[in-house]
Amino acid sequence: MNQITVRGIAPDVEKQIRRKAKATGKSLNKVMLELIGGSAGPEKRRNKPAGASLAELAGGWSEKEAREFEESVRVFEEIDEAMWK
């Protein structure tokens, strides 16, 4: 395993890292790897289209499902002229 030494970390940043490690029960090394990996990790994480995380969370519709929904609510787009007189 390769090693990197990081010098000059601001004291308040060090405290935050130590607190996070303690709060999560992780080693300092693991917390640092997660922090570094989040900003310098594989490119595939950054290549997701805008809104991808929302789609992952909420799901999405197939073309067929979207078409069926639009057909089922089309009646609500009709204006009843008699109601507006």
C-alpha atoms as a PDB file:
ATOM      1  CA  MET A   1       0.000   0.000   0.000  1.00  0.00           C
ATOM      2  CA  ASN A   2       1.229   3.470  -0.866  1.00  0.00           C
ATOM      3  CA  GLN A   3       1.448   6.159   1.739  1.00  0.00           C
ATOM      4  CA  ILE A   4       1.138   9.921   1.579  1.00  0.00           C
ATOM      5  CA  THR A   5       2.031  12.294   4.387  1.00  0.00           C
ATOM      6  CA  VAL A   6      -0.055  15.439   4.658  1.00  0.00           C
ATOM      7  CA  ARG A   7       1.512  18.354   6.501  1.00  0.00           C
ATOM      8  CA  GLY A   8       0.119  21.726   7.404  1.00  0.00           C
ATOM      9  CA  ILE A   9      -3.471  20.739   8.114  1.00  0.00           C
ATOM     10  CA  ALA A  10      -5.198  23.596   9.928  1.00  0.00           C
ATOM     11  CA  PRO A  11      -5.901  22.744  13.582  1.00  0.00           C
ATOM     12  CA  ASP A  12      -9.657  23.240  13.198  1.00  0.00           C
ATOM     13  CA  VAL A  13      -9.719  20.903  10.172  1.00  0.00           C
ATOM     14  CA  GLU A  14      -7.768  18.287  12.123  1.00  0.00           C
ATOM     15  CA  LYS A  15     -10.257  18.528  14.987  1.00  0.00           C
ATOM     16  CA  GLN A  16     -13.179  18.060  12.594  1.00  0.00           C
ATOM     17  CA  ILE A  17     -11.543  14.999  11.060  1.00  0.00           C
ATOM     18  CA  ARG A  18     -10.833  13.515  14.488  1.00  0.00           C
ATOM     19  CA  ARG A  19     -14.405  14.232  15.640  1.00  0.00           C
ATOM     20  CA  LYS A  20     -15.824  12.600  12.538  1.00  0.00           C
ATOM     21  CA  ALA A  21     -13.639   9.524  13.049  1.00  0.00           C
ATOM     22  CA  LYS A  22     -14.695   9.226  16.668  1.00  0.00           C
ATOM     23  CA  ALA A  23     -18.385   9.843  15.969  1.00  0.00           C
ATOM     24  CA  THR A  24     -18.507   7.244  13.198  1.00  0.00           C
ATOM     25  CA  GLY A  25     -16.213   4.729  14.874  1.00  0.00           C
ATOM     26  CA  LYS A  26     -13.832   4.844  11.935  1.00  0.00           C
ATOM     27  CA  SER A  27     -10.072   5.202  11.887  1.00  0.00           C
ATOM     28  CA  LEU A  28      -8.502   8.518  10.927  1.00  0.00           C
ATOM     29  CA  ASN A  29      -7.111   6.792   7.856  1.00  0.00           C
ATOM     30  CA  LYS A  30     -10.576   5.607   6.765  1.00  0.00           C
ATOM     31  CA  VAL A  31     -12.082   9.068   7.243  1.00  0.00           C
ATOM     32  CA  MET A  32      -9.259  10.657   5.255  1.00  0.00           C
ATOM     33  CA  LEU A  33      -9.666   8.132   2.443  1.00  0.00           C
ATOM     34  CA  GLU A  34     -13.398   8.882   2.289  1.00  0.00           C
ATOM     35  CA  LEU A  35     -12.786  12.636   2.252  1.00  0.00           C
ATOM     36  CA  ILE A  36     -10.110  12.415  -0.424  1.00  0.00           C
ATOM     37  CA  GLY A  37     -12.089   9.888  -2.438  1.00  0.00           C
ATOM     38  CA  GLY A  38     -15.119  12.177  -2.438  1.00  0.00           C
ATOM     39  CA  SER A  39     -13.240  14.917  -4.256  1.00  0.00           C
ATOM     40  CA  ALA A  40     -10.628  12.949  -6.179  1.00  0.00           C
ATOM     41  CA  GLY A  41     -12.437   9.678  -6.722  1.00  0.00           C
ATOM     42  CA  PRO A  42     -13.243   7.897  -9.946  1.00  0.00           C
ATOM     43  CA  GLU A  43     -14.524  10.057 -12.778  1.00  0.00           C
ATOM     44  CA  LYS A  44     -17.594   7.856 -13.206  1.00  0.00           C
ATOM     45  CA  ARG A  45     -19.152   9.493 -10.148  1.00  0.00           C
ATOM     46  CA  ARG A  46     -18.940  12.918 -11.775  1.00  0.00           C
ATOM     47  CA  ASN A  47     -20.293  11.852 -15.147  1.00  0.00           C
ATOM     48  CA  LYS A  48     -23.860  11.395 -13.960  1.00  0.00           C
ATOM     49  CA  PRO A  49     -26.400  13.691 -15.593  1.00  0.00           C
ATOM     50  CA  ALA A  50     -28.014  16.472 -13.587  1.00  0.00           C
ATOM     51  CA  GLY A  51     -30.844  15.078 -11.479  1.00  0.00           C
ATOM     52  CA  ALA A  52     -29.451  11.536 -11.479  1.00  0.00           C
ATOM     53  CA  SER A  53     -29.372  11.387  -7.700  1.00  0.00           C
ATOM     54  CA  LEU A  54     -33.035  12.382  -7.531  1.00  0.00           C
ATOM     55  CA  ALA A  55     -33.903   9.698 -10.074  1.00  0.00           C
ATOM     56  CA  GLU A  56     -31.967   7.154  -8.007  1.00  0.00           C
ATOM     57  CA  LEU A  57     -33.837   8.220  -4.891  1.00  0.00           C
ATOM     58  CA  ALA A  58     -37.344   8.577  -6.292  1.00  0.00           C
ATOM     59  CA  GLY A  59     -37.196   6.323  -9.304  1.00  0.00           C
ATOM     60  CA  GLY A  60     -38.490   7.123 -12.736  1.00  0.00           C
ATOM     61  CA  TRP A  61     -41.062   6.103 -15.302  1.00  0.00           C
ATOM     62  CA  SER A  62     -40.604   4.072 -18.416  1.00  0.00           C
ATOM     63  CA  GLU A  63     -41.780   5.584 -21.709  1.00  0.00           C
ATOM     64  CA  LYS A  64     -44.888   3.399 -21.523  1.00  0.00           C
ATOM     65  CA  GLU A  65     -45.697   4.479 -17.947  1.00  0.00           C
ATOM     66  CA  ALA A  66     -45.260   8.160 -18.833  1.00  0.00           C
ATOM     67  CA  ARG A  67     -47.514   7.801 -21.886  1.00  0.00           C
ATOM     68  CA  GLU A  68     -50.201   6.008 -19.833  1.00  0.00           C
ATOM     69  CA  PHE A  69     -50.096   8.727 -17.170  1.00  0.00           C
ATOM     70  CA  GLU A  70     -50.428  11.519 -19.719  1.00  0.00           C
ATOM     71  CA  GLU A  71     -53.377   9.753 -21.329  1.00  0.00           C
ATOM     72  CA  SER A  72     -55.093   9.257 -17.973  1.00  0.00           C
ATOM     73  CA  VAL A  73     -54.844  12.946 -16.966  1.00  0.00           C
ATOM     74  CA  ARG A  74     -55.694  14.388 -20.383  1.00  0.00           C
ATOM     75  CA  VAL A  75     -59.341  14.752 -19.297  1.00  0.00           C
ATOM     76  CA  PHE A  76     -58.249  17.297 -16.662  1.00  0.00           C
ATOM     77  CA  GLU A  77     -56.835  19.561 -19.357  1.00  0.00           C
ATOM     78  CA  GLU A  78     -60.256  20.009 -20.985  1.00  0.00           C
ATOM     79  CA  ILE A  79     -62.108  23.232 -20.235  1.00  0.00           C
ATOM     80  CA  ASP A  80     -65.828  23.063 -19.500  1.00  0.00           C
ATOM     81  CA  GLU A  81     -67.053  26.217 -21.272  1.00  0.00           C
ATOM     82  CA  ALA A  82     -70.451  26.047 -19.529  1.00  0.00           C
ATOM     83  CA  MET A  83     -68.764  26.238 -16.132  1.00  0.00           C
ATOM     84  CA  TRP A  84     -67.089  29.547 -17.045  1.00  0.00           C
ATOM     85  CA  LYS A  85     -70.224  31.404 -18.209  1.00  0.00           C
END
